[in-house]
Amino acid sequence: MSTNEHGESAAERRQRGLKKMSEVYGWEFSDGPGAHFAATADHLFADIWSRPGLSVRDRRLLLLGALTAQGAFDVAEIQLGAALRNEELTDDQLHEIALFLCHYVGWPAGTTLDGVVGKVVGQQRKAERKSRPAGEG
């Protein structure tokens, strides 16, 4: 059996990547097929998202800026939801990020992100209301 520079097998690396993916997104990931999924789990999450020096929150902030600059609001929506689920950022902080980015990536992109923040916050609040036992809140 071959091992990587960390002394782990390919299966162990995959499990480490899947665990990090679950941590980052706030839901459970299982193994997937194909080379693209392998690169995502084994390299991006097992290696890059797991590096020391930056927290998941730090990486998410950087990613939100990059996604907004690229106009990738569908992917930003996933990141925003994960930030809320993982309690890394509050509603107010997400709106503040959008306003801040208006000045660096352009008003239309930052404004679009702010709209996505509103959508995600609304969905999160609705999901929280549904998950409360009857008679609460």
N, C-alpha and C. Protein backbone atom coordinates (compact mmCIF):
# COMPACT_ATOMS: atom_id res chain seq x y z
N MET A 1 0.85 -1.17 0.00
CA MET A 1 0.00 0.00 0.00
C MET A 1 0.90 1.24 0.00
N SER A 2 0.62 2.18 -0.88
CA SER A 2 1.42 3.40 -0.93
C SER A 2 0.82 4.45 -0.01
N THR A 3 1.70 5.32 0.48
CA THR A 3 1.25 6.39 1.37
C THR A 3 1.75 7.72 0.82
N ASN A 4 1.12 8.80 1.28
CA ASN A 4 1.53 10.13 0.86
C ASN A 4 2.56 10.70 1.84
N GLU A 5 2.87 11.99 1.68
CA GLU A 5 3.88 12.62 2.54
C GLU A 5 3.47 12.68 4.00
N HIS A 6 2.20 12.48 4.29
CA HIS A 6 1.70 12.46 5.67
C HIS A 6 1.66 11.04 6.23
N GLY A 7 2.10 10.06 5.42
CA GLY A 7 2.09 8.67 5.85
C GLY A 7 0.71 8.04 5.85
N GLU A 8 -0.22 8.63 5.08
CA GLU A 8 -1.56 8.08 5.04
C GLU A 8 -1.84 7.46 3.68
N SER A 9 -2.70 6.48 3.68
CA SER A 9 -3.10 5.83 2.43
C SER A 9 -4.05 6.74 1.67
N ALA A 10 -4.32 6.39 0.42
CA ALA A 10 -5.28 7.15 -0.39
C ALA A 10 -6.66 7.14 0.26
N ALA A 11 -7.04 6.01 0.85
CA ALA A 11 -8.35 5.92 1.51
C ALA A 11 -8.40 6.82 2.74
N GLU A 12 -7.32 6.88 3.49
CA GLU A 12 -7.27 7.76 4.67
C GLU A 12 -7.31 9.23 4.26
N ARG A 13 -6.61 9.57 3.19
CA ARG A 13 -6.62 10.94 2.67
C ARG A 13 -8.03 11.31 2.23
N ARG A 14 -8.71 10.39 1.54
CA ARG A 14 -10.08 10.65 1.10
C ARG A 14 -10.98 10.89 2.30
N GLN A 15 -10.86 10.08 3.34
CA GLN A 15 -11.69 10.26 4.52
C GLN A 15 -11.40 11.60 5.20
N ARG A 16 -10.15 12.01 5.23
CA ARG A 16 -9.79 13.31 5.79
C ARG A 16 -10.40 14.43 4.97
N GLY A 17 -10.39 14.29 3.64
CA GLY A 17 -11.01 15.28 2.77
C GLY A 17 -12.51 15.34 2.95
N LEU A 18 -13.16 14.20 3.05
CA LEU A 18 -14.61 14.17 3.25
C LEU A 18 -15.00 14.79 4.59
N LYS A 19 -14.18 14.52 5.61
CA LYS A 19 -14.44 15.10 6.93
C LYS A 19 -14.32 16.62 6.87
N LYS A 20 -13.31 17.14 6.17
CA LYS A 20 -13.13 18.59 6.06
C LYS A 20 -14.27 19.20 5.25
N MET A 21 -14.70 18.53 4.17
CA MET A 21 -15.83 19.01 3.38
C MET A 21 -17.07 19.14 4.26
N SER A 22 -17.32 18.14 5.10
CA SER A 22 -18.48 18.16 5.99
C SER A 22 -18.37 19.31 6.98
N GLU A 23 -17.16 19.55 7.50
CA GLU A 23 -16.94 20.66 8.42
C GLU A 23 -17.19 22.01 7.73
N VAL A 24 -16.66 22.17 6.54
CA VAL A 24 -16.77 23.43 5.81
C VAL A 24 -18.21 23.75 5.43
N TYR A 25 -18.96 22.76 4.97
CA TYR A 25 -20.30 23.00 4.45
C TYR A 25 -21.41 22.78 5.47
N GLY A 26 -21.12 22.08 6.55
CA GLY A 26 -22.14 21.89 7.58
C GLY A 26 -23.14 20.80 7.28
N TRP A 27 -22.81 19.90 6.37
CA TRP A 27 -23.62 18.71 6.14
C TRP A 27 -22.68 17.56 5.81
N GLU A 28 -23.17 16.35 5.92
CA GLU A 28 -22.35 15.16 5.76
C GLU A 28 -22.08 14.86 4.29
N PHE A 29 -20.82 14.65 3.96
CA PHE A 29 -20.43 14.26 2.61
C PHE A 29 -20.04 12.80 2.60
N SER A 30 -20.43 12.12 1.53
CA SER A 30 -19.98 10.74 1.32
C SER A 30 -19.13 10.73 0.06
N ASP A 31 -18.46 9.63 -0.15
CA ASP A 31 -17.56 9.52 -1.29
C ASP A 31 -18.32 9.68 -2.60
N GLY A 32 -17.63 10.17 -3.59
CA GLY A 32 -18.23 10.36 -4.91
C GLY A 32 -17.35 9.81 -6.00
N PRO A 33 -17.89 9.65 -7.19
CA PRO A 33 -17.12 9.07 -8.29
C PRO A 33 -16.34 10.11 -9.09
N GLY A 34 -15.36 9.65 -9.81
CA GLY A 34 -14.69 10.46 -10.82
C GLY A 34 -13.48 11.23 -10.34
N ALA A 35 -12.71 11.66 -11.32
CA ALA A 35 -11.47 12.38 -11.06
C ALA A 35 -11.72 13.77 -10.47
N HIS A 36 -12.81 14.42 -10.90
CA HIS A 36 -13.10 15.75 -10.37
C HIS A 36 -13.41 15.69 -8.88
N PHE A 37 -14.24 14.74 -8.48
CA PHE A 37 -14.55 14.60 -7.07
C PHE A 37 -13.30 14.23 -6.29
N ALA A 38 -12.46 13.37 -6.86
CA ALA A 38 -11.21 12.98 -6.20
C ALA A 38 -10.32 14.19 -5.95
N ALA A 39 -10.17 15.05 -6.95
CA ALA A 39 -9.34 16.25 -6.78
C ALA A 39 -9.95 17.18 -5.73
N THR A 40 -11.26 17.26 -5.72
CA THR A 40 -11.94 18.12 -4.75
C THR A 40 -11.72 17.61 -3.33
N ALA A 41 -12.00 16.34 -3.09
CA ALA A 41 -11.88 15.78 -1.74
C ALA A 41 -10.43 15.62 -1.32
N ASP A 42 -9.62 15.02 -2.21
CA ASP A 42 -8.25 14.65 -1.83
C ASP A 42 -7.29 15.82 -1.82
N HIS A 43 -7.44 16.74 -2.74
CA HIS A 43 -6.51 17.87 -2.79
C HIS A 43 -7.09 19.12 -2.14
N LEU A 44 -8.22 19.61 -2.67
CA LEU A 44 -8.75 20.88 -2.20
C LEU A 44 -9.10 20.84 -0.71
N PHE A 45 -9.80 19.78 -0.27
CA PHE A 45 -10.22 19.75 1.12
C PHE A 45 -9.23 19.04 2.04
N ALA A 46 -8.68 17.91 1.65
CA ALA A 46 -7.74 17.22 2.53
C ALA A 46 -6.43 17.99 2.67
N ASP A 47 -6.03 18.70 1.61
CA ASP A 47 -4.76 19.42 1.65
C ASP A 47 -4.92 20.93 1.83
N ILE A 48 -5.64 21.59 0.95
CA ILE A 48 -5.67 23.06 0.95
C ILE A 48 -6.53 23.62 2.09
N TRP A 49 -7.78 23.19 2.22
CA TRP A 49 -8.62 23.70 3.31
C TRP A 49 -8.12 23.25 4.68
N SER A 50 -7.27 22.24 4.74
CA SER A 50 -6.78 21.69 6.00
C SER A 50 -5.42 22.26 6.42
N ARG A 51 -4.84 23.11 5.60
CA ARG A 51 -3.54 23.67 5.94
C ARG A 51 -3.63 24.54 7.19
N PRO A 52 -2.54 24.58 7.96
CA PRO A 52 -2.53 25.48 9.11
C PRO A 52 -2.37 26.94 8.65
N GLY A 53 -2.63 27.86 9.52
CA GLY A 53 -2.38 29.26 9.22
C GLY A 53 -3.62 30.08 9.01
N LEU A 54 -4.69 29.49 8.50
CA LEU A 54 -5.96 30.18 8.32
C LEU A 54 -7.08 29.29 8.83
N SER A 55 -8.06 29.89 9.46
CA SER A 55 -9.23 29.14 9.90
C SER A 55 -10.17 28.90 8.72
N VAL A 56 -11.15 28.05 8.92
CA VAL A 56 -12.19 27.86 7.91
C VAL A 56 -12.89 29.19 7.65
N ARG A 57 -13.16 29.95 8.70
CA ARG A 57 -13.80 31.26 8.55
C ARG A 57 -12.93 32.20 7.70
N ASP A 58 -11.63 32.23 7.97
CA ASP A 58 -10.72 33.06 7.17
C ASP A 58 -10.79 32.68 5.70
N ARG A 59 -10.73 31.40 5.44
CA ARG A 59 -10.76 30.92 4.05
C ARG A 59 -12.11 31.25 3.40
N ARG A 60 -13.19 31.15 4.18
CA ARG A 60 -14.50 31.45 3.62
C ARG A 60 -14.61 32.93 3.26
N LEU A 61 -14.08 33.81 4.10
CA LEU A 61 -14.09 35.24 3.79
C LEU A 61 -13.35 35.52 2.49
N LEU A 62 -12.18 34.93 2.33
CA LEU A 62 -11.42 35.10 1.09
C LEU A 62 -12.21 34.57 -0.11
N LEU A 63 -12.81 33.41 0.08
CA LEU A 63 -13.57 32.79 -1.00
C LEU A 63 -14.78 33.64 -1.38
N LEU A 64 -15.47 34.20 -0.40
CA LEU A 64 -16.61 35.06 -0.71
C LEU A 64 -16.19 36.28 -1.53
N GLY A 65 -15.04 36.86 -1.21
CA GLY A 65 -14.54 37.97 -2.00
C GLY A 65 -14.22 37.56 -3.42
N ALA A 66 -13.55 36.42 -3.56
CA ALA A 66 -13.19 35.93 -4.90
C ALA A 66 -14.43 35.58 -5.72
N LEU A 67 -15.38 34.91 -5.11
CA LEU A 67 -16.60 34.53 -5.83
C LEU A 67 -17.40 35.75 -6.26
N THR A 68 -17.47 36.75 -5.39
CA THR A 68 -18.18 37.98 -5.74
C THR A 68 -17.49 38.68 -6.89
N ALA A 69 -16.17 38.75 -6.84
CA ALA A 69 -15.41 39.40 -7.92
C ALA A 69 -15.62 38.69 -9.25
N GLN A 70 -15.82 37.38 -9.21
CA GLN A 70 -16.03 36.59 -10.43
C GLN A 70 -17.50 36.55 -10.85
N GLY A 71 -18.39 37.06 -10.02
CA GLY A 71 -19.81 36.98 -10.32
C GLY A 71 -20.40 35.59 -10.14
N ALA A 72 -19.75 34.77 -9.32
CA ALA A 72 -20.19 33.39 -9.09
C ALA A 72 -21.14 33.35 -7.88
N PHE A 73 -22.30 33.96 -8.04
CA PHE A 73 -23.22 34.12 -6.92
C PHE A 73 -23.91 32.82 -6.53
N ASP A 74 -24.01 31.86 -7.45
CA ASP A 74 -24.59 30.57 -7.11
C ASP A 74 -23.70 29.83 -6.12
N VAL A 75 -22.40 29.89 -6.33
CA VAL A 75 -21.46 29.25 -5.40
C VAL A 75 -21.36 30.07 -4.12
N ALA A 76 -21.41 31.39 -4.23
CA ALA A 76 -21.39 32.25 -3.04
C ALA A 76 -22.58 31.93 -2.15
N GLU A 77 -23.72 31.64 -2.75
CA GLU A 77 -24.92 31.30 -1.96
C GLU A 77 -24.66 30.07 -1.09
N ILE A 78 -23.98 29.09 -1.62
CA ILE A 78 -23.64 27.88 -0.85
C ILE A 78 -22.72 28.25 0.31
N GLN A 79 -21.73 29.10 0.04
CA GLN A 79 -20.79 29.52 1.08
C GLN A 79 -21.47 30.35 2.16
N LEU A 80 -22.38 31.22 1.77
CA LEU A 80 -23.12 32.04 2.74
C LEU A 80 -23.95 31.16 3.66
N GLY A 81 -24.65 30.19 3.09
CA GLY A 81 -25.45 29.28 3.90
C GLY A 81 -24.59 28.49 4.88
N ALA A 82 -23.44 28.05 4.41
CA ALA A 82 -22.52 27.30 5.29
C ALA A 82 -22.00 28.19 6.41
N ALA A 83 -21.68 29.44 6.10
CA ALA A 83 -21.19 30.37 7.13
C ALA A 83 -22.25 30.58 8.21
N LEU A 84 -23.52 30.67 7.81
CA LEU A 84 -24.60 30.81 8.80
C LEU A 84 -24.79 29.53 9.60
N ARG A 85 -24.87 28.39 8.91
CA ARG A 85 -25.07 27.11 9.60
C ARG A 85 -23.96 26.83 10.60
N ASN A 86 -22.73 27.17 10.23
CA ASN A 86 -21.57 26.89 11.08
C ASN A 86 -21.33 28.00 12.11
N GLU A 87 -22.20 29.02 12.09
CA GLU A 87 -22.11 30.16 13.01
C GLU A 87 -20.76 30.85 12.96
N GLU A 88 -20.20 30.93 11.75
CA GLU A 88 -18.94 31.63 11.53
C GLU A 88 -19.17 33.13 11.34
N LEU A 89 -20.30 33.47 10.74
CA LEU A 89 -20.64 34.86 10.44
C LEU A 89 -22.12 35.07 10.73
N THR A 90 -22.45 36.26 11.20
CA THR A 90 -23.84 36.60 11.49
C THR A 90 -24.48 37.23 10.25
N ASP A 91 -25.80 37.38 10.31
CA ASP A 91 -26.53 38.07 9.24
C ASP A 91 -25.93 39.45 8.99
N ASP A 92 -25.74 40.20 10.07
CA ASP A 92 -25.20 41.56 9.94
C ASP A 92 -23.80 41.56 9.33
N GLN A 93 -22.98 40.61 9.72
CA GLN A 93 -21.63 40.54 9.16
C GLN A 93 -21.66 40.22 7.67
N LEU A 94 -22.57 39.36 7.26
CA LEU A 94 -22.67 39.02 5.84
C LEU A 94 -23.12 40.24 5.02
N HIS A 95 -24.05 41.00 5.54
CA HIS A 95 -24.46 42.23 4.85
C HIS A 95 -23.29 43.23 4.81
N GLU A 96 -22.53 43.30 5.89
CA GLU A 96 -21.37 44.20 5.93
C GLU A 96 -20.32 43.78 4.90
N ILE A 97 -20.12 42.49 4.74
CA ILE A 97 -19.18 41.99 3.72
C ILE A 97 -19.62 42.46 2.34
N ALA A 98 -20.91 42.34 2.06
CA ALA A 98 -21.42 42.76 0.75
C ALA A 98 -21.18 44.25 0.52
N LEU A 99 -21.45 45.05 1.53
CA LEU A 99 -21.23 46.50 1.39
C LEU A 99 -19.75 46.81 1.18
N PHE A 100 -18.90 46.18 1.95
CA PHE A 100 -17.46 46.36 1.82
C PHE A 100 -16.99 45.99 0.41
N LEU A 101 -17.47 44.86 -0.08
CA LEU A 101 -17.05 44.40 -1.41
C LEU A 101 -17.55 45.31 -2.53
N CYS A 102 -18.65 46.02 -2.31
CA CYS A 102 -19.10 46.98 -3.33
C CYS A 102 -17.98 47.93 -3.73
N HIS A 103 -17.16 48.30 -2.78
CA HIS A 103 -16.11 49.29 -3.02
C HIS A 103 -14.87 48.69 -3.67
N TYR A 104 -14.75 47.38 -3.68
CA TYR A 104 -13.55 46.74 -4.22
C TYR A 104 -13.79 45.91 -5.47
N VAL A 105 -14.99 45.35 -5.61
CA VAL A 105 -15.27 44.52 -6.78
C VAL A 105 -16.36 45.12 -7.66
N GLY A 106 -16.88 46.28 -7.24
CA GLY A 106 -17.89 46.97 -8.03
C GLY A 106 -19.24 46.94 -7.34
N TRP A 107 -19.93 48.07 -7.49
CA TRP A 107 -21.23 48.20 -6.84
C TRP A 107 -22.24 47.15 -7.30
N PRO A 108 -22.35 46.86 -8.59
CA PRO A 108 -23.31 45.83 -9.00
C PRO A 108 -23.04 44.46 -8.38
N ALA A 109 -21.78 44.05 -8.32
CA ALA A 109 -21.45 42.73 -7.75
C ALA A 109 -21.73 42.70 -6.26
N GLY A 110 -21.32 43.73 -5.54
CA GLY A 110 -21.56 43.78 -4.11
C GLY A 110 -23.04 43.84 -3.78
N THR A 111 -23.79 44.59 -4.59
CA THR A 111 -25.23 44.69 -4.40
C THR A 111 -25.92 43.35 -4.68
N THR A 112 -25.46 42.66 -5.69
CA THR A 112 -26.00 41.33 -5.99
C THR A 112 -25.72 40.38 -4.83
N LEU A 113 -24.49 40.44 -4.31
CA LEU A 113 -24.17 39.59 -3.16
C LEU A 113 -25.08 39.92 -1.98
N ASP A 114 -25.35 41.19 -1.73
CA ASP A 114 -26.23 41.58 -0.64
C ASP A 114 -27.63 40.98 -0.82
N GLY A 115 -28.10 40.95 -2.06
CA GLY A 115 -29.39 40.30 -2.33
C GLY A 115 -29.36 38.81 -2.06
N VAL A 116 -28.25 38.17 -2.39
CA VAL A 116 -28.09 36.74 -2.11
C VAL A 116 -28.04 36.52 -0.60
N VAL A 117 -27.35 37.41 0.12
CA VAL A 117 -27.31 37.31 1.58
C VAL A 117 -28.74 37.35 2.12
N GLY A 118 -29.53 38.31 1.66
CA GLY A 118 -30.92 38.40 2.12
C GLY A 118 -31.70 37.14 1.86
N LYS A 119 -31.51 36.56 0.68
CA LYS A 119 -32.20 35.31 0.32
C LYS A 119 -31.79 34.18 1.26
N VAL A 120 -30.49 34.02 1.47
CA VAL A 120 -29.97 32.93 2.31
C VAL A 120 -30.40 33.11 3.77
N VAL A 121 -30.33 34.33 4.26
CA VAL A 121 -30.76 34.60 5.64
C VAL A 121 -32.25 34.25 5.79
N GLY A 122 -33.06 34.64 4.83
CA GLY A 122 -34.49 34.32 4.87
C GLY A 122 -34.73 32.82 4.87
N GLN A 123 -34.00 32.10 4.02
CA GLN A 123 -34.15 30.64 3.97
C GLN A 123 -33.72 30.01 5.29
N GLN A 124 -32.63 30.51 5.87
CA GLN A 124 -32.13 29.98 7.13
C GLN A 124 -33.14 30.20 8.25
N ARG A 125 -33.70 31.39 8.31
CA ARG A 125 -34.70 31.69 9.34
C ARG A 125 -35.93 30.82 9.18
N LYS A 126 -36.37 30.61 7.95
CA LYS A 126 -37.53 29.76 7.69
C LYS A 126 -37.24 28.33 8.14
N ALA A 127 -36.05 27.83 7.83
CA ALA A 127 -35.67 26.47 8.24
C ALA A 127 -35.61 26.36 9.75
N GLU A 128 -35.12 27.39 10.42
CA GLU A 128 -35.06 27.38 11.88
C GLU A 128 -36.46 27.35 12.49
N ARG A 129 -37.37 28.12 11.91
CA ARG A 129 -38.76 28.13 12.41
C ARG A 129 -39.39 26.75 12.26
N LYS A 130 -39.13 26.10 11.13
CA LYS A 130 -39.71 24.77 10.89
C LYS A 130 -39.16 23.73 11.83
N SER A 131 -37.91 23.91 12.26
CA SER A 131 -37.28 22.90 13.10
C SER A 131 -37.61 23.07 14.59
N ARG A 132 -38.23 24.19 14.96
CA ARG A 132 -38.61 24.40 16.36
C ARG A 132 -39.82 23.55 16.70
N PRO A 133 -39.83 23.04 17.93
CA PRO A 133 -41.03 22.31 18.38
C PRO A 133 -42.24 23.23 18.42
N ALA A 134 -43.41 22.66 18.22
CA ALA A 134 -44.66 23.44 18.22
C ALA A 134 -44.78 24.22 19.53
N GLY A 135 -45.20 25.47 19.40
CA GLY A 135 -45.40 26.31 20.57
C GLY A 135 -44.21 27.18 20.91
N GLU A 136 -43.04 26.94 20.29
CA GLU A 136 -41.86 27.78 20.54
C GLU A 136 -41.78 28.87 19.49
N GLY A 137 -41.23 30.04 19.89
CA GLY A 137 -40.89 31.16 19.04
C GLY A 137 -41.79 31.47 17.97
